[in-house]
Each structure stands twice: as C-alpha cells, then as structure tokens.
Amino acid sequence: MQIGFRYGSLVEDYYTGFRLQCEGWKGIFCSPERPAFFGDVPINLADALNQQKRWSIGLLEVGFSNHSPATFGVRSKGILMGLGYAQLAFWAIWSIPITTYAFLPQLALLNLVSIFPKVCYSFLLRIKQSFFQGKKKKKKESSFSDMNLESRSN
C-alpha cells in the first residue's frame, strides 16, 4: 500500500486525487470548524501568472500522459468521471479560442472589417412569406397585415 502524494506532475494534488479515484478510493468533503492550515495566494500579477502557467503545464502533462483522464479515467471510472477530470486536464487549451475571441473584434474594428455576416432583407422576406403561405390558404379573407406584406414584396 502506497501512502502520500503521487509525484511526477506539477499538479500533484490533482494527479493524486485522480489516481486514487481510479483505484477505487472514495472521497469525502471535510470542513472542520477551525481551519487546519491557512492557504497561500499570489500577492502580485507576476506571481499569479506564474501560478496559472504552472497549473496549465501540469494539467496538460497529466492530460497527455499514459494516465490521461480521457482514456485511462474513462476505462477505470466510467465516461462521466473520466470526462469530468479530462475537462479540467485540458483546461489550458481554452486559452486559444478565448484569446482569439478577445482580439478579433478589436482588430476587425481597427481595419474597418465587419465580423458579422451581411443579411439580405429580401431573402428574409421570402422566407417569412413562404412560412406564412400555409396560413394564408386556410383563411378565406385576408387581413390588412397580409395585404401590407404582399405590397412590400412587389
């Protein structure tokens, strides 16, 4: 029986918890009235960014290792538990679309390029007419709004 953290990753707490779950251990939430210890947090931006980088690298190491939650976790704990751990393991990959989404609108605005598709009003009007065409056939008399719609299309 092995006791202690599973080292070999920058996120040994995540890796240890994941492996213990895969080996069949059960977890509980412990919330004592008096804290056992106080945490340590970064005190400036450089430290916070360094910590985020370390977590990202560590989680990706676990995600791409032989004990990847997407493969090993799914086989040992099932699809939901495996994908839950995999979502956190591949968390750093989300930085790519988020960064793109953050800068693309500003670049488009500076270059006077529209990032939204142009909508053709006549195309939408034809769709609206074809959608309401079935309802017109059921009515014996046309209403003022139907006549107004027909006059716009001509």
N, C-alpha and C. Protein backbone atom coordinates (compact mmCIF):
# COMPACT_ATOMS: atom_id res chain seq x y z
N MET A 1 0.84 -1.18 0.00
CA MET A 1 0.00 0.00 0.00
C MET A 1 0.89 1.24 0.00
N GLN A 2 0.61 2.14 -0.93
CA GLN A 2 1.39 3.37 -1.02
C GLN A 2 0.63 4.49 -0.33
N ILE A 3 1.35 5.31 0.41
CA ILE A 3 0.75 6.43 1.12
C ILE A 3 1.44 7.71 0.66
N GLY A 4 0.67 8.77 0.45
CA GLY A 4 1.25 10.06 0.10
C GLY A 4 0.88 10.50 -1.30
N PHE A 5 1.47 11.62 -1.68
CA PHE A 5 1.20 12.19 -3.00
C PHE A 5 1.84 11.36 -4.09
N ARG A 6 1.25 11.42 -5.27
CA ARG A 6 1.84 10.83 -6.47
C ARG A 6 2.59 11.96 -7.16
N TYR A 7 3.87 11.92 -7.10
CA TYR A 7 4.68 12.98 -7.70
C TYR A 7 4.93 12.66 -9.17
N GLY A 8 5.52 13.58 -9.87
CA GLY A 8 5.77 13.40 -11.29
C GLY A 8 4.97 14.39 -12.13
N SER A 9 4.27 15.30 -11.47
CA SER A 9 3.49 16.32 -12.15
C SER A 9 3.55 17.61 -11.34
N LEU A 10 3.35 18.71 -12.01
CA LEU A 10 3.32 19.99 -11.31
C LEU A 10 2.03 20.17 -10.52
N VAL A 11 1.04 19.36 -10.80
CA VAL A 11 -0.23 19.42 -10.09
C VAL A 11 -0.44 18.09 -9.35
N GLU A 12 0.43 17.84 -8.37
CA GLU A 12 0.39 16.55 -7.68
C GLU A 12 -0.90 16.32 -6.92
N ASP A 13 -1.56 17.37 -6.46
CA ASP A 13 -2.82 17.19 -5.75
C ASP A 13 -3.92 16.69 -6.69
N TYR A 14 -3.98 17.26 -7.89
CA TYR A 14 -4.95 16.81 -8.89
C TYR A 14 -4.65 15.37 -9.32
N TYR A 15 -3.38 15.12 -9.60
CA TYR A 15 -2.97 13.80 -10.08
C TYR A 15 -3.21 12.74 -9.00
N THR A 16 -2.91 13.06 -7.74
CA THR A 16 -3.12 12.11 -6.65
C THR A 16 -4.61 11.81 -6.48
N GLY A 17 -5.43 12.83 -6.47
CA GLY A 17 -6.87 12.62 -6.34
C GLY A 17 -7.45 11.81 -7.48
N PHE A 18 -6.99 12.10 -8.70
CA PHE A 18 -7.47 11.37 -9.87
C PHE A 18 -7.08 9.90 -9.80
N ARG A 19 -5.82 9.62 -9.48
CA ARG A 19 -5.36 8.23 -9.41
C ARG A 19 -6.04 7.47 -8.27
N LEU A 20 -6.24 8.11 -7.14
CA LEU A 20 -6.92 7.44 -6.03
C LEU A 20 -8.36 7.11 -6.40
N GLN A 21 -9.04 8.01 -7.09
CA GLN A 21 -10.40 7.73 -7.56
C GLN A 21 -10.40 6.54 -8.52
N CYS A 22 -9.42 6.50 -9.43
CA CYS A 22 -9.34 5.40 -10.39
C CYS A 22 -9.05 4.06 -9.70
N GLU A 23 -8.34 4.10 -8.57
CA GLU A 23 -8.03 2.87 -7.85
C GLU A 23 -9.16 2.43 -6.92
N GLY A 24 -10.25 3.19 -6.87
CA GLY A 24 -11.41 2.78 -6.10
C GLY A 24 -11.59 3.46 -4.77
N TRP A 25 -10.74 4.38 -4.42
CA TRP A 25 -10.89 5.10 -3.16
C TRP A 25 -12.11 6.00 -3.25
N LYS A 26 -12.76 6.24 -2.14
CA LYS A 26 -13.90 7.13 -2.07
C LYS A 26 -13.47 8.44 -1.43
N GLY A 27 -13.98 9.53 -1.91
CA GLY A 27 -13.64 10.84 -1.38
C GLY A 27 -14.79 11.42 -0.57
N ILE A 28 -14.46 12.18 0.45
CA ILE A 28 -15.46 12.88 1.24
C ILE A 28 -15.03 14.33 1.38
N PHE A 29 -15.98 15.18 1.69
CA PHE A 29 -15.68 16.60 1.90
C PHE A 29 -15.54 16.83 3.40
N CYS A 30 -14.41 17.33 3.81
CA CYS A 30 -14.14 17.58 5.22
C CYS A 30 -14.08 19.09 5.44
N SER A 31 -14.93 19.58 6.32
CA SER A 31 -14.97 21.00 6.61
C SER A 31 -15.00 21.21 8.12
N PRO A 32 -13.81 21.20 8.76
CA PRO A 32 -13.79 21.39 10.21
C PRO A 32 -14.14 22.83 10.59
N GLU A 33 -14.59 23.01 11.82
CA GLU A 33 -14.96 24.36 12.28
C GLU A 33 -13.74 25.27 12.31
N ARG A 34 -12.62 24.76 12.77
CA ARG A 34 -11.38 25.53 12.82
C ARG A 34 -10.46 25.05 11.69
N PRO A 35 -9.98 25.96 10.83
CA PRO A 35 -9.13 25.53 9.73
C PRO A 35 -7.84 24.87 10.23
N ALA A 36 -7.45 23.81 9.53
CA ALA A 36 -6.22 23.10 9.90
C ALA A 36 -4.99 23.89 9.49
N PHE A 37 -5.08 24.61 8.37
CA PHE A 37 -3.97 25.44 7.91
C PHE A 37 -4.54 26.54 7.02
N PHE A 38 -3.77 27.56 6.85
CA PHE A 38 -4.17 28.67 6.00
C PHE A 38 -3.47 28.54 4.66
N GLY A 39 -4.16 28.96 3.61
CA GLY A 39 -3.61 28.86 2.26
C GLY A 39 -2.62 29.95 1.95
N ASP A 40 -1.98 29.80 0.83
CA ASP A 40 -1.01 30.78 0.35
C ASP A 40 -1.46 31.21 -1.04
N VAL A 41 -1.57 32.49 -1.26
CA VAL A 41 -2.03 33.00 -2.54
C VAL A 41 -0.98 33.93 -3.12
N PRO A 42 -0.94 34.06 -4.44
CA PRO A 42 -0.01 35.02 -5.04
C PRO A 42 -0.36 36.45 -4.64
N ILE A 43 0.68 37.27 -4.44
CA ILE A 43 0.42 38.63 -3.96
C ILE A 43 0.54 39.69 -5.06
N ASN A 44 1.03 39.30 -6.24
CA ASN A 44 1.10 40.26 -7.34
C ASN A 44 0.78 39.56 -8.66
N LEU A 45 0.67 40.34 -9.72
CA LEU A 45 0.27 39.80 -11.02
C LEU A 45 1.29 38.81 -11.57
N ALA A 46 2.57 39.09 -11.40
CA ALA A 46 3.60 38.18 -11.92
C ALA A 46 3.51 36.81 -11.26
N ASP A 47 3.30 36.79 -9.94
CA ASP A 47 3.16 35.52 -9.23
C ASP A 47 1.89 34.78 -9.66
N ALA A 48 0.80 35.52 -9.86
CA ALA A 48 -0.45 34.89 -10.27
C ALA A 48 -0.33 34.28 -11.66
N LEU A 49 0.31 34.99 -12.58
CA LEU A 49 0.51 34.45 -13.93
C LEU A 49 1.44 33.25 -13.92
N ASN A 50 2.47 33.29 -13.07
CA ASN A 50 3.38 32.16 -12.96
C ASN A 50 2.65 30.93 -12.43
N GLN A 51 1.77 31.13 -11.45
CA GLN A 51 1.00 30.02 -10.91
C GLN A 51 0.04 29.45 -11.96
N GLN A 52 -0.63 30.31 -12.70
CA GLN A 52 -1.53 29.84 -13.75
C GLN A 52 -0.77 29.05 -14.81
N LYS A 53 0.42 29.54 -15.17
CA LYS A 53 1.24 28.82 -16.15
C LYS A 53 1.66 27.46 -15.62
N ARG A 54 2.05 27.39 -14.38
CA ARG A 54 2.46 26.13 -13.76
C ARG A 54 1.28 25.15 -13.72
N TRP A 55 0.11 25.62 -13.35
CA TRP A 55 -1.08 24.76 -13.34
C TRP A 55 -1.41 24.27 -14.75
N SER A 56 -1.34 25.16 -15.73
CA SER A 56 -1.66 24.78 -17.11
C SER A 56 -0.72 23.70 -17.61
N ILE A 57 0.56 23.89 -17.38
CA ILE A 57 1.55 22.91 -17.83
C ILE A 57 1.34 21.58 -17.10
N GLY A 58 1.12 21.63 -15.80
CA GLY A 58 0.92 20.40 -15.03
C GLY A 58 -0.32 19.64 -15.45
N LEU A 59 -1.43 20.36 -15.66
CA LEU A 59 -2.65 19.70 -16.08
C LEU A 59 -2.53 19.10 -17.48
N LEU A 60 -1.84 19.81 -18.37
CA LEU A 60 -1.63 19.25 -19.70
C LEU A 60 -0.70 18.03 -19.66
N GLU A 61 0.28 18.03 -18.75
CA GLU A 61 1.13 16.85 -18.58
C GLU A 61 0.30 15.64 -18.20
N VAL A 62 -0.62 15.82 -17.28
CA VAL A 62 -1.49 14.71 -16.88
C VAL A 62 -2.41 14.34 -18.04
N GLY A 63 -2.94 15.33 -18.74
CA GLY A 63 -3.86 15.07 -19.85
C GLY A 63 -3.25 14.29 -20.98
N PHE A 64 -1.96 14.50 -21.23
CA PHE A 64 -1.29 13.81 -22.33
C PHE A 64 -0.41 12.65 -21.86
N SER A 65 -0.55 12.24 -20.60
CA SER A 65 0.27 11.14 -20.07
C SER A 65 -0.40 9.79 -20.35
N ASN A 66 0.25 8.72 -19.88
CA ASN A 66 -0.33 7.38 -20.01
C ASN A 66 -1.59 7.23 -19.16
N HIS A 67 -1.72 8.05 -18.14
CA HIS A 67 -2.89 8.01 -17.27
C HIS A 67 -3.83 9.18 -17.57
N SER A 68 -4.03 9.46 -18.83
CA SER A 68 -4.90 10.55 -19.24
C SER A 68 -6.34 10.30 -18.79
N PRO A 69 -6.99 11.31 -18.24
CA PRO A 69 -8.39 11.12 -17.83
C PRO A 69 -9.31 10.78 -18.99
N ALA A 70 -8.96 11.22 -20.20
CA ALA A 70 -9.82 10.96 -21.35
C ALA A 70 -9.79 9.49 -21.76
N THR A 71 -8.71 8.78 -21.47
CA THR A 71 -8.62 7.36 -21.84
C THR A 71 -8.61 6.47 -20.60
N PHE A 72 -7.59 6.62 -19.79
CA PHE A 72 -7.44 5.80 -18.59
C PHE A 72 -8.59 6.03 -17.61
N GLY A 73 -8.98 7.28 -17.42
CA GLY A 73 -10.06 7.61 -16.50
C GLY A 73 -11.40 7.08 -16.95
N VAL A 74 -11.66 7.15 -18.25
CA VAL A 74 -12.93 6.65 -18.78
C VAL A 74 -13.00 5.14 -18.62
N ARG A 75 -11.87 4.45 -18.86
CA ARG A 75 -11.86 3.00 -18.72
C ARG A 75 -12.03 2.56 -17.26
N SER A 76 -11.42 3.29 -16.32
CA SER A 76 -11.44 2.84 -14.94
C SER A 76 -12.64 3.35 -14.14
N LYS A 77 -13.13 4.56 -14.42
CA LYS A 77 -14.21 5.14 -13.62
C LYS A 77 -15.49 5.40 -14.40
N GLY A 78 -15.48 5.23 -15.68
CA GLY A 78 -16.67 5.49 -16.48
C GLY A 78 -16.57 6.80 -17.24
N ILE A 79 -17.51 6.99 -18.13
CA ILE A 79 -17.46 8.14 -19.04
C ILE A 79 -17.63 9.48 -18.32
N LEU A 80 -18.55 9.57 -17.36
CA LEU A 80 -18.79 10.85 -16.70
C LEU A 80 -17.62 11.29 -15.84
N MET A 81 -17.08 10.39 -15.04
CA MET A 81 -15.95 10.74 -14.18
C MET A 81 -14.71 11.04 -15.03
N GLY A 82 -14.48 10.23 -16.06
CA GLY A 82 -13.32 10.45 -16.93
C GLY A 82 -13.40 11.78 -17.65
N LEU A 83 -14.55 12.10 -18.19
CA LEU A 83 -14.70 13.38 -18.91
C LEU A 83 -14.68 14.57 -17.96
N GLY A 84 -15.14 14.37 -16.73
CA GLY A 84 -15.06 15.44 -15.73
C GLY A 84 -13.62 15.79 -15.41
N TYR A 85 -12.79 14.77 -15.21
CA TYR A 85 -11.37 15.03 -14.96
C TYR A 85 -10.68 15.53 -16.23
N ALA A 86 -11.08 15.04 -17.40
CA ALA A 86 -10.46 15.48 -18.65
C ALA A 86 -10.76 16.95 -18.94
N GLN A 87 -11.96 17.40 -18.57
CA GLN A 87 -12.31 18.81 -18.79
C GLN A 87 -11.34 19.72 -18.05
N LEU A 88 -10.96 19.32 -16.85
CA LEU A 88 -10.01 20.12 -16.09
C LEU A 88 -8.59 19.94 -16.61
N ALA A 89 -8.25 18.72 -17.03
CA ALA A 89 -6.90 18.46 -17.52
C ALA A 89 -6.59 19.26 -18.79
N PHE A 90 -7.58 19.44 -19.64
CA PHE A 90 -7.36 20.17 -20.90
C PHE A 90 -7.88 21.60 -20.82
N TRP A 91 -8.00 22.12 -19.61
CA TRP A 91 -8.47 23.48 -19.37
C TRP A 91 -7.60 24.52 -20.07
N ALA A 92 -6.31 24.30 -20.14
CA ALA A 92 -5.40 25.31 -20.71
C ALA A 92 -5.63 25.52 -22.20
N ILE A 93 -6.17 24.54 -22.89
CA ILE A 93 -6.40 24.67 -24.33
C ILE A 93 -7.45 25.74 -24.62
N TRP A 94 -8.34 26.02 -23.65
CA TRP A 94 -9.36 27.05 -23.84
C TRP A 94 -8.75 28.44 -24.01
N SER A 95 -7.50 28.61 -23.65
CA SER A 95 -6.89 29.93 -23.80
C SER A 95 -6.78 30.35 -25.26
N ILE A 96 -6.70 29.39 -26.17
CA ILE A 96 -6.58 29.72 -27.61
C ILE A 96 -7.85 30.37 -28.14
N PRO A 97 -9.04 29.74 -28.03
CA PRO A 97 -10.23 30.44 -28.55
C PRO A 97 -10.60 31.68 -27.75
N ILE A 98 -10.33 31.70 -26.46
CA ILE A 98 -10.67 32.88 -25.66
C ILE A 98 -9.80 34.06 -26.08
N THR A 99 -8.52 33.83 -26.30
CA THR A 99 -7.63 34.91 -26.74
C THR A 99 -8.02 35.39 -28.13
N THR A 100 -8.36 34.46 -29.01
CA THR A 100 -8.81 34.84 -30.35
C THR A 100 -10.08 35.68 -30.28
N TYR A 101 -11.02 35.25 -29.45
CA TYR A 101 -12.28 35.98 -29.31
C TYR A 101 -12.05 37.35 -28.68
N ALA A 102 -11.03 37.49 -27.87
CA ALA A 102 -10.75 38.76 -27.23
C ALA A 102 -10.15 39.78 -28.20
N PHE A 103 -9.33 39.31 -29.14
CA PHE A 103 -8.63 40.24 -30.02
C PHE A 103 -9.27 40.41 -31.40
N LEU A 104 -10.02 39.44 -31.87
CA LEU A 104 -10.60 39.53 -33.21
C LEU A 104 -11.53 40.72 -33.42
N PRO A 105 -12.46 41.00 -32.52
CA PRO A 105 -13.33 42.17 -32.74
C PRO A 105 -12.56 43.50 -32.79
N GLN A 106 -11.54 43.65 -31.95
CA GLN A 106 -10.77 44.88 -31.96
C GLN A 106 -9.98 45.04 -33.26
N LEU A 107 -9.38 43.95 -33.73
CA LEU A 107 -8.65 44.01 -34.99
C LEU A 107 -9.59 44.30 -36.15
N ALA A 108 -10.76 43.71 -36.15
CA ALA A 108 -11.72 43.98 -37.22
C ALA A 108 -12.19 45.43 -37.18
N LEU A 109 -12.40 45.96 -35.99
CA LEU A 109 -12.83 47.35 -35.85
C LEU A 109 -11.75 48.31 -36.34
N LEU A 110 -10.49 48.04 -36.01
CA LEU A 110 -9.41 48.92 -36.46
C LEU A 110 -9.21 48.87 -37.96
N ASN A 111 -9.48 47.72 -38.58
CA ASN A 111 -9.31 47.56 -40.03
C ASN A 111 -10.59 47.82 -40.80
N LEU A 112 -11.65 48.25 -40.10
CA LEU A 112 -12.96 48.53 -40.71
C LEU A 112 -13.51 47.34 -41.47
N VAL A 113 -13.39 46.17 -40.86
CA VAL A 113 -13.91 44.93 -41.44
C VAL A 113 -15.02 44.43 -40.54
N SER A 114 -16.13 44.05 -41.15
CA SER A 114 -17.25 43.54 -40.37
C SER A 114 -17.02 42.06 -40.06
N ILE A 115 -17.20 41.69 -38.81
CA ILE A 115 -17.04 40.28 -38.45
C ILE A 115 -18.38 39.55 -38.48
N PHE A 116 -19.45 40.28 -38.71
CA PHE A 116 -20.77 39.68 -38.77
C PHE A 116 -21.19 39.54 -40.23
N PRO A 117 -21.91 38.49 -40.57
CA PRO A 117 -22.33 38.32 -41.96
C PRO A 117 -23.37 39.37 -42.35
N LYS A 118 -23.36 39.75 -43.62
CA LYS A 118 -24.35 40.70 -44.11
C LYS A 118 -25.65 39.94 -44.37
N VAL A 119 -26.75 40.54 -43.96
CA VAL A 119 -28.05 39.90 -44.09
C VAL A 119 -28.79 40.55 -45.24
N CYS A 120 -29.31 39.73 -46.10
CA CYS A 120 -30.09 40.22 -47.24
C CYS A 120 -31.56 40.27 -46.82
N TYR A 121 -32.14 41.46 -46.76
CA TYR A 121 -33.50 41.62 -46.28
C TYR A 121 -34.50 40.93 -47.20
N SER A 122 -34.28 40.98 -48.50
CA SER A 122 -35.24 40.37 -49.42
C SER A 122 -35.27 38.85 -49.23
N PHE A 123 -34.13 38.25 -48.89
CA PHE A 123 -34.08 36.81 -48.64
C PHE A 123 -34.90 36.46 -47.40
N LEU A 124 -34.78 37.25 -46.34
CA LEU A 124 -35.56 37.00 -45.13
C LEU A 124 -37.05 37.22 -45.37
N LEU A 125 -37.38 38.18 -46.21
CA LEU A 125 -38.78 38.45 -46.53
C LEU A 125 -39.39 37.27 -47.28
N ARG A 126 -38.65 36.66 -48.20
CA ARG A 126 -39.14 35.48 -48.92
C ARG A 126 -39.34 34.31 -47.97
N ILE A 127 -38.45 34.15 -47.02
CA ILE A 127 -38.61 33.06 -46.04
C ILE A 127 -39.86 33.30 -45.21
N LYS A 128 -40.07 34.53 -44.80
CA LYS A 128 -41.25 34.86 -44.00
C LYS A 128 -42.52 34.60 -44.79
N GLN A 129 -42.54 34.97 -46.07
CA GLN A 129 -43.72 34.75 -46.90
C GLN A 129 -43.99 33.26 -47.09
N SER A 130 -42.95 32.49 -47.33
CA SER A 130 -43.16 31.06 -47.54
C SER A 130 -43.61 30.37 -46.25
N PHE A 131 -43.18 30.90 -45.11
CA PHE A 131 -43.59 30.32 -43.83
C PHE A 131 -45.07 30.59 -43.57
N PHE A 132 -45.52 31.80 -43.88
CA PHE A 132 -46.90 32.15 -43.62
C PHE A 132 -47.82 31.82 -44.78
N GLN A 133 -47.32 31.25 -45.87
CA GLN A 133 -48.11 30.92 -47.05
C GLN A 133 -49.18 29.89 -46.70
N GLY A 134 -48.83 28.89 -45.87
CA GLY A 134 -49.79 27.86 -45.49
C GLY A 134 -50.94 28.44 -44.69
N LYS A 135 -50.68 29.43 -43.86
CA LYS A 135 -51.73 30.05 -43.05
C LYS A 135 -52.66 30.89 -43.92
N LYS A 136 -52.15 31.48 -45.00
CA LYS A 136 -52.99 32.31 -45.86
C LYS A 136 -54.01 31.45 -46.60
N LYS A 137 -53.61 30.26 -47.01
CA LYS A 137 -54.53 29.41 -47.75
C LYS A 137 -55.69 28.96 -46.87
N LYS A 138 -55.47 28.84 -45.57
CA LYS A 138 -56.52 28.40 -44.67
C LYS A 138 -57.54 29.51 -44.43
N LYS A 139 -57.13 30.77 -44.51
CA LYS A 139 -58.03 31.88 -44.27
C LYS A 139 -58.85 32.17 -45.54
N LYS A 140 -60.10 32.51 -45.35
CA LYS A 140 -60.93 32.83 -46.51
C LYS A 140 -60.76 34.28 -46.90
N GLU A 141 -60.59 35.15 -45.91
CA GLU A 141 -60.39 36.56 -46.20
C GLU A 141 -59.03 36.97 -45.67
N SER A 142 -58.35 37.82 -46.37
CA SER A 142 -57.02 38.24 -45.95
C SER A 142 -57.13 39.48 -45.07
N SER A 143 -56.23 39.58 -44.15
CA SER A 143 -56.24 40.71 -43.23
C SER A 143 -55.41 41.85 -43.82
N PHE A 144 -55.45 42.98 -43.14
CA PHE A 144 -54.70 44.15 -43.57
C PHE A 144 -53.20 43.89 -43.55
N SER A 145 -52.71 43.15 -42.53
CA SER A 145 -51.28 42.89 -42.44
C SER A 145 -50.81 42.01 -43.59
N ASP A 146 -51.64 41.04 -44.04
CA ASP A 146 -51.26 40.20 -45.17
C ASP A 146 -51.16 41.02 -46.44
N MET A 147 -52.11 41.94 -46.64
CA MET A 147 -52.06 42.77 -47.84
C MET A 147 -50.84 43.68 -47.79
N ASN A 148 -50.50 44.19 -46.61
CA ASN A 148 -49.34 45.04 -46.45
C ASN A 148 -48.07 44.26 -46.78
N LEU A 149 -47.99 43.00 -46.34
CA LEU A 149 -46.82 42.17 -46.61
C LEU A 149 -46.70 41.89 -48.11
N GLU A 150 -47.84 41.64 -48.78
CA GLU A 150 -47.81 41.36 -50.21
C GLU A 150 -47.38 42.61 -50.99
N SER A 151 -47.81 43.78 -50.57
CA SER A 151 -47.46 45.00 -51.29
C SER A 151 -45.98 45.31 -51.13
N ARG A 152 -45.36 44.92 -50.02
CA ARG A 152 -43.92 45.17 -49.84
C ARG A 152 -43.10 44.27 -50.73
N SER A 153 -43.55 43.04 -50.95
CA SER A 153 -42.76 42.12 -51.76
C SER A 153 -42.79 42.48 -53.24
N ASN A 154 -43.80 43.21 -53.70
CA ASN A 154 -43.88 43.59 -55.11
C ASN A 154 -43.11 44.77 -55.42
